[in-house]
Each structure stands twice: as C-alpha cells, then as structure tokens.
Protein backbone atom coordinates (compact mmCIF):
# COMPACT_ATOMS: atom_id res chain seq x y z
CA MET A 1 73.16 79.23 220.57
CA ARG A 2 72.72 82.86 221.58
CA LEU A 3 74.09 85.31 219.00
CA ARG A 4 75.96 88.46 219.89
CA SER A 5 73.48 90.43 217.77
CA ASP A 6 70.70 89.31 220.15
CA LEU A 7 72.11 91.86 222.61
CA TRP A 8 71.16 94.58 220.09
CA HIS A 9 67.52 93.53 219.85
CA ASP A 10 66.30 96.36 222.08
CA VAL A 11 69.13 98.87 221.71
CA ILE A 12 66.50 101.26 220.26
CA HIS A 13 63.42 101.04 222.46
CA SER A 14 61.43 104.18 223.27
CA THR A 15 60.72 107.88 222.89
CA GLY A 16 62.93 109.98 225.16
CA GLN A 17 65.88 107.56 224.92
CA ILE A 18 69.20 109.43 225.30
CA PHE A 19 72.44 108.81 223.35
CA ILE A 20 75.77 110.35 224.34
CA SER A 21 76.46 111.51 220.76
CA VAL A 22 75.14 111.42 217.22
CA GLU A 23 77.77 108.77 216.42
CA GLN A 24 76.41 106.47 219.13
CA LEU A 25 72.89 106.95 217.78
CA GLN A 26 74.03 106.07 214.25
CA ASN A 27 75.93 103.00 215.45
CA ASP A 28 73.01 101.80 217.58
CA LEU A 29 70.64 102.25 214.63
CA THR A 30 72.88 100.00 212.53
CA LYS A 31 73.07 97.36 215.29
CA TYR A 32 69.30 97.51 215.80
CA ALA A 33 68.64 97.10 212.08
CA ILE A 34 71.01 94.11 211.84
CA SER A 35 69.43 92.44 214.87
CA ARG A 36 65.85 93.08 213.69
CA GLY A 37 66.57 92.26 210.04
CA PHE A 38 65.55 95.44 208.21
CA ASP A 39 67.26 98.34 206.47
CA PHE A 40 66.65 102.09 206.73
CA THR A 41 67.39 105.33 204.91
CA PHE A 42 68.35 108.72 206.35
CA THR A 43 65.96 111.55 205.58
CA LYS A 44 67.96 113.96 207.74
CA ASN A 45 71.38 113.32 209.20
CA ASP A 46 73.34 116.29 210.55
CA SER A 47 74.76 117.69 213.79
CA THR A 48 71.35 118.75 215.16
CA ARG A 49 68.83 116.13 214.02
CA VAL A 50 68.56 112.60 212.67
CA THR A 51 65.49 111.24 210.87
CA VAL A 52 65.30 107.72 209.44
CA HIS A 53 62.59 105.63 207.77
CA CYS A 54 62.32 101.97 206.85
CA LYS A 55 63.73 101.42 203.38
CA ILE A 56 60.38 100.01 202.24
CA ALA A 57 58.54 103.18 201.22
CA THR A 58 55.10 101.94 202.35
CA CYS A 59 56.33 100.94 205.84
CA ALA A 60 55.39 103.13 208.82
CA TRP A 61 58.56 102.51 210.87
CA SER A 62 60.45 105.75 211.51
CA LEU A 63 62.63 107.53 214.08
CA HIS A 64 63.33 111.20 214.66
CA ALA A 65 65.99 112.37 217.15
CA ILE A 66 67.24 115.86 218.05
CA ARG A 67 70.23 117.28 219.85
CA VAL A 68 69.76 118.04 223.55
CA GLY A 69 70.49 121.76 224.07
CA LEU A 70 73.97 122.74 222.86
CA GLY A 71 75.66 119.55 224.07
CA PRO A 72 76.63 116.40 222.19
CA GLN A 73 73.73 114.27 223.47
CA PHE A 74 70.80 113.21 221.24
CA LYS A 75 67.27 112.24 222.29
CA ILE A 76 64.61 110.27 220.43
CA LYS A 77 61.67 112.63 219.96
CA ILE A 78 59.43 110.44 217.77
CA LEU A 79 59.59 106.64 217.36
CA ASP A 80 57.10 104.53 215.39
CA ASN A 81 58.54 101.12 216.19
CA VAL A 82 56.16 98.90 214.22
CA HIS A 83 56.95 97.56 210.73
CA SER A 84 53.84 97.50 208.55
CA CYS A 85 56.00 96.01 205.76
CA GLY A 86 56.45 92.74 207.62
CA GLY A 87 60.11 93.52 208.34
CA GLY A 88 61.76 93.71 211.71
CA LEU A 89 62.40 89.96 211.90
CA SER A 90 65.89 88.41 212.07
CA THR A 91 67.45 87.46 208.73
CA GLN A 92 70.72 85.98 207.52
CA LYS A 93 71.25 88.78 204.99
CA HIS A 94 71.87 92.41 205.78
CA PRO A 95 73.37 95.25 203.70
CA ARG A 96 74.57 97.25 206.72
CA ALA A 97 76.80 94.55 208.13
CA SER A 98 80.58 94.48 207.61
CA LYS A 99 81.21 98.25 207.51
CA LYS A 100 83.56 98.45 210.51
CA TRP A 101 85.47 95.88 212.53
CA GLU A 102 87.58 96.81 215.52
CA LYS A 103 89.32 93.44 215.30
CA ILE A 104 91.22 94.65 212.22
CA VAL A 105 93.22 96.96 214.52
CA ASP A 106 94.49 93.98 216.53
CA ALA A 107 94.77 91.58 213.58
CA PRO A 108 95.60 93.26 210.25
CA LEU A 109 95.86 89.77 208.66
CA TYR A 110 92.17 89.12 209.43
CA MET A 111 91.06 87.52 206.13
CA PRO A 112 87.65 88.21 204.50
CA LYS A 113 86.72 84.50 204.59
CA ASP A 114 87.41 84.43 208.35
CA ILE A 115 85.46 87.67 208.85
CA LYS A 116 82.53 86.12 206.97
CA LYS A 117 82.56 83.04 209.22
CA ASP A 118 82.86 85.09 212.43
CA ILE A 119 80.00 87.42 211.48
CA PHE A 120 77.74 84.47 210.76
CA ARG A 121 78.73 82.66 213.98
CA GLU A 122 78.45 85.73 216.23
CA TYR A 123 75.61 87.68 214.60
CA GLY A 124 73.74 85.14 212.46
CA VAL A 125 74.23 87.29 209.34
CA ASP A 126 75.40 85.49 206.19
CA LEU A 127 77.14 88.08 204.03
CA PRO A 128 78.30 87.70 200.43
CA TYR A 129 82.08 87.61 200.08
CA HIS A 130 82.30 90.83 198.05
CA GLN A 131 80.47 92.77 200.77
CA VAL A 132 82.86 91.44 203.42
CA TRP A 133 85.87 92.33 201.27
CA LEU A 134 84.63 95.88 200.64
CA GLY A 135 83.80 96.28 204.33
CA LYS A 136 87.32 95.26 205.30
CA GLU A 137 88.78 97.79 202.85
CA VAL A 138 86.64 100.57 204.39
CA ALA A 139 87.58 99.59 207.95
CA TYR A 140 91.25 99.21 207.04
CA LYS A 141 91.39 102.69 205.52
CA GLU A 142 89.60 104.23 208.52
CA GLN A 143 91.96 102.57 211.00
CA PHE A 144 95.31 102.89 209.19
CA GLY A 145 94.76 105.71 206.70
CA ASP A 146 94.93 105.88 202.93
CA GLU A 147 97.93 103.97 201.59
CA ARG A 148 98.69 106.61 198.96
CA CYS A 149 98.82 109.37 201.58
CA SER A 150 101.09 107.22 203.69
CA PHE A 151 103.87 107.42 201.09
CA ASN A 152 103.68 111.23 201.05
CA GLU A 153 103.85 111.27 204.86
CA LEU A 154 107.24 109.56 204.71
CA LEU A 155 108.88 112.95 204.12
CA TRP A 156 107.31 114.28 207.32
CA TYR A 157 108.36 111.13 209.18
CA LYS A 158 111.95 111.47 207.93
CA ASP A 159 112.15 115.05 209.24
CA ALA A 160 110.52 114.03 212.55
CA VAL A 161 113.02 111.20 213.11
CA GLU A 162 116.05 113.38 212.34
CA ARG A 163 114.67 116.16 214.55
CA THR A 164 113.81 114.04 217.60
CA LYS A 165 116.52 111.36 217.39
CA SER A 166 119.93 112.95 217.09
CA GLY A 167 122.32 111.02 214.87
CA SER A 168 119.61 109.07 213.03
CA VAL A 169 119.96 108.50 209.29
CA VAL A 170 116.87 107.79 207.17
CA GLU A 171 117.36 106.33 203.69
CA LEU A 172 115.02 104.59 201.24
CA ASP A 173 116.85 102.18 199.00
CA VAL A 174 115.81 99.56 196.46
CA THR A 175 118.17 96.98 195.02
CA ASN A 176 117.80 94.38 192.33
CA GLU A 177 119.89 91.33 193.17
CA ASP A 178 120.38 87.99 191.44
CA ASN A 179 120.35 84.90 193.59
CA PHE A 180 121.91 81.49 193.50
CA ALA A 181 118.64 79.76 192.57
CA LYS A 182 118.75 81.48 189.15
CA TYR A 183 121.83 79.43 188.28
CA LEU A 184 120.27 76.13 189.31
CA ARG A 185 117.77 76.00 186.43
CA GLY A 186 118.04 73.76 183.40
CA LYS A 187 120.68 71.05 183.56
CA CYS A 188 121.52 71.86 187.23
CA SER A 189 117.96 71.60 188.52
CA SER A 190 118.13 67.85 189.19
CA THR A 191 121.10 68.30 191.56
CA LYS A 192 119.83 71.49 193.20
CA ASP A 193 119.66 70.15 196.77
CA ALA A 194 123.16 68.68 196.61
CA LEU A 195 124.54 71.92 195.14
CA ILE A 196 122.97 74.01 197.89
CA GLU A 197 124.53 71.76 200.54
CA LEU A 198 127.93 72.09 198.86
CA LEU A 199 127.54 75.86 198.74
CA LYS A 200 126.77 75.90 202.48
CA LYS A 201 129.84 73.76 203.05
CA ALA A 202 131.98 76.17 201.03
CA VAL A 203 130.62 79.08 203.09
CA TYR A 204 131.39 77.62 206.50
CA VAL A 205 134.66 75.70 206.11
CA MET A 206 137.56 77.49 207.77
CA THR A 207 140.50 76.74 205.47
CA ILE A 208 141.25 77.33 201.79
CA VAL A 209 141.99 73.62 201.25
CA GLU A 210 138.53 72.64 202.50
CA PHE A 211 136.92 75.41 200.43
CA GLU A 212 138.62 74.31 197.20
CA LYS A 213 137.59 70.72 197.86
CA ALA A 214 133.93 71.80 198.18
CA MET A 215 134.18 73.82 194.96
CA VAL A 216 135.64 70.85 193.05
CA GLU A 217 132.71 68.72 194.22
CA MET A 218 130.31 71.47 193.10
CA GLY A 219 131.96 71.64 189.67
CA GLU A 220 131.56 67.89 189.21
CA LEU A 221 127.80 68.31 189.62
CA CYS A 222 127.34 71.61 187.74
CA VAL A 223 130.14 73.69 186.22
CA GLN A 224 127.76 76.64 185.83
CA ALA A 225 127.14 76.77 189.60
CA GLU A 226 130.87 76.56 190.38
CA LEU A 227 131.67 79.43 187.98
CA TRP A 228 128.94 81.55 189.58
CA ALA A 229 130.33 80.91 193.07
CA TRP A 230 133.85 81.96 192.06
CA LYS A 231 132.53 85.03 190.24
CA GLU A 232 130.66 86.24 193.34
CA ASN A 233 134.02 86.82 195.09
CA PRO A 234 134.47 84.41 198.03
CA ASN A 235 136.25 87.20 199.97
CA TYR A 236 132.78 88.48 200.89
CA TRP A 237 130.93 85.29 201.76
CA ALA A 238 133.34 82.41 202.51
CA ASN A 239 134.92 81.94 205.92
CA ALA A 240 138.13 80.66 204.33
CA PHE A 241 138.77 83.97 202.51
CA PHE A 242 136.97 86.54 204.64
CA GLN A 243 139.46 89.19 205.82
CA GLY A 244 137.48 90.66 208.71
CA GLU A 245 135.84 89.27 211.83
CA ARG A 246 132.55 87.60 211.04
CA TYR A 247 131.78 86.33 214.56
CA GLY A 248 130.57 83.06 213.04
CA GLU A 249 127.42 84.54 211.51
CA ILE A 250 126.53 84.15 207.83
CA TYR A 251 122.96 83.02 207.31
CA SER A 252 119.54 84.46 206.54
CA ASN A 253 117.90 83.25 209.78
CA PRO A 254 117.89 86.74 211.40
CA THR A 255 116.23 88.16 208.28
CA GLU A 256 113.66 85.37 208.15
CA SER A 257 113.05 85.70 211.89
CA PHE A 258 112.54 89.45 211.54
CA ASN A 259 110.12 88.95 208.64
CA SER A 260 108.06 86.55 210.76
CA TRP A 261 108.21 88.94 213.70
CA VAL A 262 106.77 91.84 211.65
CA LEU A 263 104.43 89.72 209.54
CA GLU A 264 101.29 91.65 210.49
CA ALA A 265 103.03 95.03 210.18
CA ARG A 266 104.01 94.24 206.58
CA ASN A 267 100.34 94.36 205.58
CA LEU A 268 99.81 97.90 206.89
CA SER A 269 100.27 101.13 204.99
CA ILE A 270 103.92 102.11 204.91
CA LEU A 271 103.83 104.72 207.69
CA SER A 272 101.68 102.52 209.95
CA MET A 273 104.10 99.67 209.24
CA ILE A 274 107.10 101.78 210.33
CA ASP A 275 105.27 102.91 213.47
CA CYS A 276 104.25 99.32 214.31
CA ILE A 277 107.82 98.02 213.88
CA GLN A 278 109.18 100.87 216.01
CA THR A 279 106.69 100.01 218.77
CA GLN A 280 107.74 96.35 218.65
CA ILE A 281 111.42 97.29 218.81
CA MET A 282 110.76 99.61 221.77
CA ALA A 283 109.02 96.78 223.65
CA LEU A 284 111.79 94.31 222.78
CA ALA A 285 114.54 96.72 223.88
CA TYR A 286 112.75 97.34 227.19
CA GLU A 287 112.39 93.59 227.79
CA ARG A 288 116.04 92.85 226.98
CA ARG A 289 117.30 95.80 229.01
CA ASN A 290 115.59 94.40 232.10
CA MET A 291 116.64 90.83 231.30
CA CYS A 292 120.39 91.47 230.95
CA LEU A 293 120.49 93.42 234.23
CA MET A 294 119.80 90.07 235.94
CA TRP A 295 122.84 88.32 234.44
CA GLU A 296 125.64 87.51 236.87
CA THR A 297 128.21 86.02 234.43
CA THR A 298 131.03 87.98 232.76
CA MET A 299 130.03 86.65 229.34
CA CYS A 300 126.48 86.40 228.02
CA PRO A 301 124.76 83.23 229.29
CA LYS A 302 124.81 81.43 225.91
CA VAL A 303 128.51 82.15 225.45
CA ASP A 304 129.24 81.12 229.02
CA ALA A 305 127.50 77.76 228.45
CA TYR A 306 129.32 77.33 225.11
CA LEU A 307 132.73 77.83 226.75
CA LYS A 308 131.97 75.34 229.52
CA ASN A 309 130.92 72.68 227.00
CA LEU A 310 134.02 73.38 224.91
CA MET A 311 136.31 72.99 227.91
CA ASP A 312 134.70 69.63 228.71
CA SER A 313 135.47 68.39 225.17
CA THR A 314 139.22 69.06 225.37
CA CYS A 315 140.12 66.26 227.78
CA GLY A 316 143.11 64.26 226.55
CA PHE A 317 144.55 66.99 224.31
CA VAL A 318 148.35 67.32 224.51
CA VAL A 319 149.93 70.80 224.41
CA ASN A 320 153.56 71.57 223.55
CA CYS A 321 154.85 75.01 224.51
CA SER A 322 157.26 76.80 222.15
CA ASN A 323 157.41 79.99 224.21
CA GLY A 324 155.05 81.89 226.48
CA GLN A 325 152.76 82.81 223.57
CA LEU A 326 153.15 80.08 220.91
CA PHE A 327 151.75 76.55 221.44
CA GLU A 328 151.21 73.35 219.48
CA VAL A 329 148.09 71.31 220.18
CA LEU A 330 148.55 67.67 219.20
CA THR A 331 145.33 66.66 217.50
CA ARG A 332 144.60 65.15 214.09
CA PRO A 333 145.62 67.35 212.37
CA SER A 334 147.71 69.31 214.89
CA HIS A 335 147.26 73.09 215.20
CA ILE A 336 149.36 76.06 216.26
CA VAL A 337 147.94 78.65 218.69
CA ASP A 338 149.53 82.11 218.84
CA LEU A 339 148.11 83.96 221.85
CA GLN A 340 150.04 87.17 221.10
CA VAL A 341 148.63 87.55 217.57
CA GLY A 342 145.27 85.99 218.47
CA GLU A 343 145.31 83.23 215.87
CA CYS A 344 144.89 79.48 215.59
CA THR A 345 145.70 77.57 212.40
CA CYS A 346 142.18 76.09 212.42
CA ARG A 347 141.01 79.73 211.86
CA GLU A 348 137.89 79.29 214.00
CA TRP A 349 139.19 81.71 216.64
CA GLN A 350 139.86 84.44 214.06
CA ILE A 351 136.50 84.04 212.37
CA ARG A 352 134.19 83.61 215.37
CA ARG A 353 136.20 85.70 217.87
CA LEU A 354 135.37 83.01 220.41
CA PRO A 355 138.08 80.57 221.53
CA CYS A 356 138.23 77.30 219.63
CA LYS A 357 138.91 74.05 221.49
CA HIS A 358 142.66 74.46 220.85
CA VAL A 359 142.71 77.88 222.54
CA CYS A 360 140.66 76.49 225.44
CA VAL A 361 143.12 73.69 226.13
CA VAL A 362 146.06 76.14 225.92
CA ALA A 363 144.34 78.52 228.37
CA HIS A 364 143.79 75.62 230.76
CA LYS A 365 147.44 74.56 230.36
CA ILE A 366 148.84 77.99 231.34
CA GLY A 367 146.21 78.63 234.04
CA CYS A 368 144.43 81.55 232.32
CA ASN A 369 140.72 82.28 232.22
CA VAL A 370 139.46 81.35 228.75
CA GLU A 371 137.10 84.37 228.86
CA GLU A 372 140.15 86.60 228.35
CA TYR A 373 140.37 85.32 224.76
CA CYS A 374 136.75 86.16 223.87
CA SER A 375 135.78 89.29 221.98
CA LEU A 376 134.35 91.98 224.27
CA TYR A 377 131.25 91.99 222.07
CA PHE A 378 130.19 88.72 223.73
CA SER A 379 130.43 90.16 227.24
CA THR A 380 127.47 90.94 229.46
CA ARG A 381 128.58 94.56 229.80
CA CYS A 382 128.63 95.05 226.03
CA TYR A 383 125.16 93.50 225.72
CA GLN A 384 123.87 95.85 228.40
CA ASN A 385 125.40 98.84 226.61
CA CYS A 386 123.40 97.95 223.49
CA TYR A 387 120.18 98.80 225.32
CA VAL A 388 121.28 101.85 227.29
CA GLU A 389 119.82 104.29 224.76
CA THR A 390 116.07 104.85 224.66
CA ILE A 391 114.02 104.68 221.46
CA LYS A 392 111.74 107.70 221.54
CA PRO A 393 108.27 107.46 219.95
CA ILE A 394 107.35 109.92 217.20
CA SER A 395 104.46 112.28 217.98
CA ASN A 396 102.12 112.94 215.05
CA GLN A 397 100.74 116.22 216.39
CA ASP A 398 102.44 118.24 213.65
CA LYS A 399 101.76 115.74 210.84
CA PRO A 400 100.19 117.63 207.92
CA LEU A 401 96.90 116.55 206.36
CA VAL A 402 97.29 115.05 202.89
CA ASP A 403 94.66 115.33 200.17
CA PHE A 404 94.78 111.80 198.76
CA GLU A 405 92.87 112.88 195.64
CA ASN A 406 95.96 114.78 194.47
CA VAL A 407 98.59 112.30 195.64
CA GLU A 408 101.00 111.02 193.01
CA ILE A 409 103.12 108.03 194.01
CA LYS A 410 106.44 107.68 192.25
CA PRO A 411 108.77 104.68 192.65
CA PRO A 412 112.10 105.20 194.44
CA PRO A 413 115.15 105.58 192.18
CA LEU A 414 116.89 102.32 191.36
CA ARG A 415 120.63 101.96 191.47
CA GLU A 416 122.29 101.88 188.08
CA GLU A 417 123.34 98.33 187.28
CA PRO A 418 126.99 97.58 186.44
CA ASP A 419 127.90 97.30 182.75
CA ASP A 420 128.17 93.51 182.85
CA GLN A 421 124.63 93.25 184.26
CA ARG A 422 123.18 95.45 181.50
CA LYS A 423 124.88 93.35 178.81
CA LYS A 424 123.12 90.27 180.14
C-alpha cells in the first residue's frame, strides 16, 4: 500500500529549488525527514537564512537556503543530499512526527490513540503514545489558543457582545444542585427504577387526585423518596399543581440534545467553545428561517398533524350544551369544557395550551375551527417571528493580546446556599 509520506520523498531535491516562504521550507524539511527516515538540527534559522545538518555529527548531509532579495521566497543555495551515516532510509520511528495536525481543527475530539493509528496507516511512522499526546497538545494550543488566556478574554467577549448586539445580557453563573438520585441510595436503591417511573407519573398526571395516588405508591416503596418529592414543592414541577402554562414540556431531552449537538465544542477552550456554539446557532437559525417560509398551514406542521389525529379519535363522543360557552363531554369520566375561560376539567388544555380531545369534539359540535383554541405560540407566524432577527458574528480585530505567563484563573463566585442546606 502506498503511504501518504511517499509523496514527500523528493520534496527537497536540488540546489536552486524555490520555496514561497521560510515556513514552507521548514515544513517541507520536516516532511522530507519523515519520508526519508532521518532527523536534522538547525544551525541557522532566521528570516534571511536557514542552515540544517543531519543530527548525526559525522554525517555529510546538509542544506543551506537564503532569502531571495527582499521578498518572502527562499532558495536552496547549497545541498549535500547524501547521508554518509547510513540514514535517509524509511523508518517506523521519527521524532519530528506528530507536531501539527490540521484534522484537529475539524475534529477536536480526535483521540491520541486514533491519531497514532492514522499516522502509522498514512505515513508508516509508528509513534510512541506520549509523543502523539504531546503533539496533539501543541497543535490544539496553536489552533484554539491557550486555555488560560481564553478565560481572561471572556471580559473582552462580554463587552463585544453587549456593544454589537443591543439588548444582550451576558452572565456567568454556577449552581450547586442536589438531584433525585441522591435520595435513592441505601434502602431505596433496590427499587430505584420503579421510583423513577412513579416520579415521572407524578410529574405528568393532570389532576391532584392522580398525583396523590402516585405519591402514595412512591411512599409504599420508599418513604424517603416521597418526603423529598413533597419537599421540592410540586408547584414548580408537577402538572397537577403548576400555576402557569407549561405547554406540555417538562423533561431534560432538550438539554441532552443540546449537549450532544455541541459535544465537540465542549472540548475547546472556553472562548473557542462560545464562538463554535454561536456559529452552529447561526447556521441552525438560517436553516429554520428558510424552512418555515415554505409552510402553508396556519399552525406548525407537527401541531397541524397532532390536531388532525386528535379529531379522528373523538368519533362517538356525546356533547351536551349548557350554554354557548359551557359544555359537558360524556366520556368515562365525563368532563366540562368552558370555552370562555379556556379550561377543561381534564386540565390538559390549560397545561399544554393545545386543545384536548374534549375541546376538539366541542369545536366540531359548534362548527368552529379547532385552531382557534390553540396558543398563538404554536402558529406558523409565531415560529417565523422567532427567526426574524439575525445573529451577528463577533469580530476579533480589537481583541487584546494576553500574556498567558501572568494569567491567574479564579473560579466564578458560587451562590450562597440556604441555611437548611448548610446545616446538612
């Protein structure tokens, strides 16, 4: 199999050879040494001349190049291209490999073990793991900057955002939160899966009766878990008690989806991470802006399909009319729909702000369009308005240089815990 490094076998070839810059000469020297299997040392290496010799002191191989006029080009003036040391043959070991990899820019999660395999497969060079790891660190810092400096640059970024994006608020916050899993240790650990399912049930049920039933079942398995759930104030997390309009959403899927979406960005330095996420959001907003302009339905396509399926499931429901706004839907159990107040006794309409099946059958009974009873937030026009504004990129022309030798990183201030937390 032909190796990629075989293409470098004659990248240095003769006296008079021209290079567009000193950087190209240095890079080609490295490639040539890797391909030929030898190492070299710089005797002179500046903006006007480059002189290198084989690392074996008794070897005659050497190269001397000078700048052409006042321009950036370099020309080989002297080249002794024969190794009297016996070097110049391909080898699986080379100290100059693994210094820079452009692939790290496209794949920040590029692991050292994968780099090691790729270098051997493509160049025939078998590097020790520590050399690959150090090489990745060097390349990472060159591409994305020093991580310590990145924290200091946050202050500049904050000012740049507030200056270029009117109305933006930038805040760094750190919280320390307990989670439900903490209370499932010890005697509750054996029933953990069942308790989690009961907690989910308590979150999503619509009525207080159903909620209390789920809590009783939880208490029968683990009193400690039930007490924790009551203490965490169901007004904030349970549909049955929630006072506002939740629109049916209470799960961590969006957070988990976002974490997966920015997985590679999370491994960058903090400023590069912010810039990467902003670029992804800009691309997503552009894509969705163009997509929603194609919609022809009043409601968003998913909501439109949901309403059609719901209407199909209401066949056979009987509706009794009390007045023009109050209706009884005869199901098991029966429910009361108040169109004037915007409520159904099943509470699904209030919580999701989308019509439940009882509202759908009432709308059909009185000859109204069920879309009239949907929140405007589910409409196509509202979705389009979300992407009217443009996210402007931040220019780094005025970003100050940071001396990382004098950088001191301090942790962000933590919120003071409540008294009951400190007592624990």
